[in-house]
Amino acid sequence: MKHLPKLSLFAFLLISGFTFVSCSDDDDAATPPTELTLYQKLGGTAMVSDPNNPSQMIEQGRLSYRSVVDSTITLIVADIVADSQGNLGAHFAPIVSEVVGGNTTNVAVLSKNLTDFFSANTGGGATNTYSGLGMVAAHDPAQNPRMGVKANDADYDKFIGYVGAAAGLNGVTDPALIGEVVDVLESLRAPIVQE
């Protein structure tokens, strides 16, 4: 499997500056600052060099998501390969068997789909779209052959733990920001947990 870089999500610190407020004509009523989206907090639309393809640029928010997604996938696959019981082995068995055989095509598809999904749904704007399966279909082995078995609550809790570990590996340690990521993941529990 291609080594996926562990990138820093340092950009969220840069985005934590103040938002300008505009005043009404009477200068008495100020418009409250607009709260930044999670995508903006992770770097937003600032263009940076793509470490996977240095001749191309990528939005920092998208790069931040991709870094955490790739690290999460790497942690799950490494754990499954190291432990034949694998914490989430049955769920990702189709993809893991491909990776062990040297085929990383579907891992790349999974990374892109997850990055698209989170970028599009946390404020990434028109430049980030998701065209993959809906959450129910994506997590139902009968509808998605890349999913091994249906998830239960304990499985999903483990997955959230992997995401937290991957965020830490990528420099996301702010408890408030991690809480927002967990909130997004929790909002998806009902369609994902099908057992």
Protein backbone atom coordinates (compact mmCIF):
# COMPACT_ATOMS: atom_id res chain seq x y z
CA MET A 1 0.00 0.00 0.00
CA LYS A 2 1.27 3.43 -0.89
CA HIS A 3 2.44 5.29 2.21
CA LEU A 4 -0.02 8.06 2.90
CA PRO A 5 1.59 11.20 4.37
CA LYS A 6 0.64 12.35 7.83
CA LEU A 7 0.01 16.04 7.23
CA SER A 8 -0.48 18.76 9.78
CA LEU A 9 -3.81 20.54 10.06
CA PHE A 10 -1.97 23.64 11.19
CA ALA A 11 -4.15 25.84 9.00
CA PHE A 12 -7.05 25.83 11.44
CA LEU A 13 -4.90 27.95 13.77
CA LEU A 14 -4.42 30.50 11.01
CA ILE A 15 -8.15 30.71 10.35
CA SER A 16 -8.96 31.39 14.00
CA GLY A 17 -8.61 35.18 13.50
CA PHE A 18 -11.46 37.56 13.94
CA THR A 19 -14.22 38.12 11.40
CA PHE A 20 -14.93 41.70 10.48
CA VAL A 21 -18.31 43.07 11.52
CA SER A 22 -20.25 45.69 9.70
CA CYS A 23 -22.21 48.39 11.42
CA SER A 24 -25.62 49.72 10.57
CA ASP A 25 -26.11 53.32 9.56
CA ASP A 26 -26.79 54.36 13.13
CA ASP A 27 -23.57 52.70 14.40
CA ASP A 28 -25.51 51.37 17.39
CA ALA A 29 -26.28 47.88 16.09
CA ALA A 30 -23.35 45.78 14.97
CA THR A 31 -23.90 42.68 12.89
CA PRO A 32 -22.63 39.71 14.86
CA PRO A 33 -19.63 37.96 13.35
CA THR A 34 -20.44 35.07 11.06
CA GLU A 35 -19.44 31.77 12.64
CA LEU A 36 -16.89 29.91 10.60
CA THR A 37 -17.90 26.55 9.14
CA LEU A 38 -15.95 23.47 10.12
CA TYR A 39 -14.44 23.46 6.62
CA GLN A 40 -13.22 27.03 7.14
CA LYS A 41 -11.77 26.13 10.54
CA LEU A 42 -9.80 23.36 8.86
CA GLY A 43 -8.25 25.80 6.39
CA GLY A 44 -11.12 26.77 4.11
CA THR A 45 -10.60 27.66 0.50
CA ALA A 46 -7.01 28.91 0.81
CA MET A 47 -5.09 27.22 -1.98
CA VAL A 48 -1.95 25.26 -1.05
CA SER A 49 0.35 22.87 -2.87
CA ASP A 50 -0.97 19.30 -2.87
CA PRO A 51 1.68 17.13 -1.20
CA ASN A 52 0.44 14.10 -3.16
CA ASN A 53 0.85 16.00 -6.43
CA PRO A 54 3.06 19.09 -5.93
CA SER A 55 2.30 20.44 -9.41
CA GLN A 56 -1.34 20.93 -8.36
CA MET A 57 -3.05 23.13 -5.82
CA ILE A 58 -5.72 22.03 -3.35
CA GLU A 59 -7.96 23.87 -0.90
CA GLN A 60 -6.49 23.68 2.61
CA GLY A 61 -9.86 22.55 4.06
CA ARG A 62 -10.04 19.68 1.58
CA LEU A 63 -6.42 18.76 2.22
CA SER A 64 -7.11 18.75 5.95
CA TYR A 65 -10.03 16.35 5.52
CA ARG A 66 -8.11 14.15 3.11
CA SER A 67 -5.20 13.95 5.55
CA VAL A 68 -7.41 12.82 8.43
CA VAL A 69 -9.37 10.43 6.16
CA ASP A 70 -6.18 8.86 4.81
CA SER A 71 -4.70 8.55 8.30
CA THR A 72 -7.93 6.95 9.54
CA ILE A 73 -7.87 4.42 6.71
CA THR A 74 -4.20 3.68 7.38
CA LEU A 75 -4.84 3.13 11.10
CA ILE A 76 -7.79 0.82 10.44
CA VAL A 77 -5.98 -1.22 7.78
CA ALA A 78 -2.82 -1.50 9.91
CA ASP A 79 -4.86 -2.63 12.90
CA ILE A 80 -6.73 -5.21 10.83
CA VAL A 81 -3.57 -6.58 9.21
CA ALA A 82 -1.75 -6.74 12.58
CA ASP A 83 -4.66 -8.45 14.33
CA SER A 84 -6.51 -11.14 12.39
CA GLN A 85 -9.52 -10.45 14.61
CA GLY A 86 -9.32 -6.83 13.48
CA ASN A 87 -11.41 -4.28 15.32
CA LEU A 88 -13.28 -3.40 12.16
CA GLY A 89 -11.93 -6.16 9.95
CA ALA A 90 -15.24 -7.63 8.86
CA HIS A 91 -16.51 -4.24 7.73
CA PHE A 92 -13.54 -3.48 5.54
CA ALA A 93 -12.62 -7.04 4.53
CA PRO A 94 -13.20 -6.52 0.79
CA ILE A 95 -10.90 -3.49 0.65
CA VAL A 96 -8.29 -4.91 3.05
CA SER A 97 -7.98 -8.09 0.99
CA GLU A 98 -7.34 -5.94 -2.07
CA VAL A 99 -4.72 -3.85 -0.24
CA VAL A 100 -2.92 -6.95 1.07
CA GLY A 101 -2.87 -8.16 -2.55
CA GLY A 102 -1.29 -4.89 -3.68
CA ASN A 103 -4.38 -3.25 -5.16
CA THR A 104 -5.06 0.20 -3.66
CA THR A 105 -7.65 1.31 -6.21
CA ASN A 106 -10.66 1.02 -3.91
CA VAL A 107 -8.78 2.60 -1.01
CA ALA A 108 -8.25 5.63 -3.25
CA VAL A 109 -11.97 5.61 -4.12
CA LEU A 110 -12.88 5.37 -0.42
CA SER A 111 -10.54 8.24 0.44
CA LYS A 112 -11.95 10.43 -2.32
CA ASN A 113 -15.57 9.64 -1.41
CA LEU A 114 -15.06 10.38 2.29
CA THR A 115 -13.10 13.56 1.54
CA ASP A 116 -15.80 14.69 -0.92
CA PHE A 117 -18.57 13.91 1.56
CA PHE A 118 -17.07 15.77 4.51
CA SER A 119 -15.83 18.70 2.42
CA ALA A 120 -19.22 19.17 0.74
CA ASN A 121 -21.24 18.81 3.93
CA THR A 122 -19.28 20.99 6.33
CA GLY A 123 -19.12 24.23 4.38
CA GLY A 124 -16.78 23.44 1.49
CA GLY A 125 -18.97 25.33 -0.95
CA ALA A 126 -19.59 24.78 -4.63
CA THR A 127 -16.08 23.55 -5.36
CA ASN A 128 -16.67 20.44 -3.21
CA THR A 129 -19.41 18.05 -4.21
CA TYR A 130 -20.32 14.52 -3.19
CA SER A 131 -21.82 12.18 -5.77
CA GLY A 132 -21.38 8.85 -4.00
CA LEU A 133 -23.96 6.59 -2.43
CA GLY A 134 -26.28 7.81 0.31
CA MET A 135 -25.27 6.87 3.84
CA VAL A 136 -27.71 3.95 4.15
CA ALA A 137 -26.70 2.40 0.81
CA ALA A 138 -22.98 3.04 1.36
CA HIS A 139 -23.03 1.10 4.62
CA ASP A 140 -25.28 -1.78 3.51
CA PRO A 141 -23.30 -4.72 2.08
CA ALA A 142 -26.30 -5.69 -0.05
CA GLN A 143 -26.05 -2.35 -1.85
CA ASN A 144 -22.29 -1.72 -1.60
CA PRO A 145 -19.94 -4.66 -2.25
CA ARG A 146 -17.02 -2.72 -0.70
CA MET A 147 -18.74 -2.97 2.71
CA GLY A 148 -18.22 -6.32 4.41
CA VAL A 149 -20.94 -6.34 7.11
CA LYS A 150 -23.39 -3.92 8.70
CA ALA A 151 -22.17 -1.80 11.60
CA ASN A 152 -23.46 -1.72 15.16
CA ASP A 153 -23.02 1.05 17.74
CA ALA A 154 -19.82 -0.47 19.19
CA ASP A 155 -18.27 -0.63 15.70
CA TYR A 156 -19.16 2.97 15.05
CA ASP A 157 -17.69 4.02 18.39
CA LYS A 158 -14.43 2.32 17.37
CA PHE A 159 -14.50 4.13 14.05
CA ILE A 160 -14.94 7.49 15.80
CA GLY A 161 -11.94 6.56 17.97
CA TYR A 162 -9.84 5.95 14.86
CA VAL A 163 -10.89 9.34 13.45
CA GLY A 164 -9.88 10.99 16.74
CA ALA A 165 -6.48 9.28 16.67
CA ALA A 166 -6.00 10.29 13.03
CA ALA A 167 -6.92 13.90 13.83
CA GLY A 168 -4.29 13.91 16.58
CA LEU A 169 -1.69 12.51 14.18
CA ASN A 170 -2.46 15.42 11.89
CA GLY A 171 -2.15 18.11 14.56
CA VAL A 172 -5.81 18.57 15.48
CA THR A 173 -5.77 18.73 19.26
CA ASP A 174 -8.18 21.60 19.99
CA PRO A 175 -10.99 19.98 22.03
CA ALA A 176 -13.63 22.33 20.59
CA LEU A 177 -12.65 21.48 17.01
CA ILE A 178 -12.52 17.76 17.79
CA GLY A 179 -15.96 18.13 19.38
CA GLU A 180 -17.30 19.60 16.13
CA VAL A 181 -15.88 16.69 14.15
CA VAL A 182 -17.44 14.22 16.60
CA ASP A 183 -20.77 16.08 16.30
CA VAL A 184 -20.66 15.59 12.52
CA LEU A 185 -19.88 11.89 12.96
CA GLU A 186 -22.65 11.48 15.54
CA SER A 187 -25.13 13.11 13.17
CA LEU A 188 -24.43 10.22 10.79
CA ARG A 189 -24.84 7.42 13.32
CA ALA A 190 -28.49 6.59 12.51
CA PRO A 191 -28.04 5.92 8.77
CA ILE A 192 -24.67 4.17 9.22
CA VAL A 193 -25.49 1.89 12.17
CA GLN A 194 -27.83 -0.67 10.66
CA GLU A 195 -27.46 -3.61 13.04
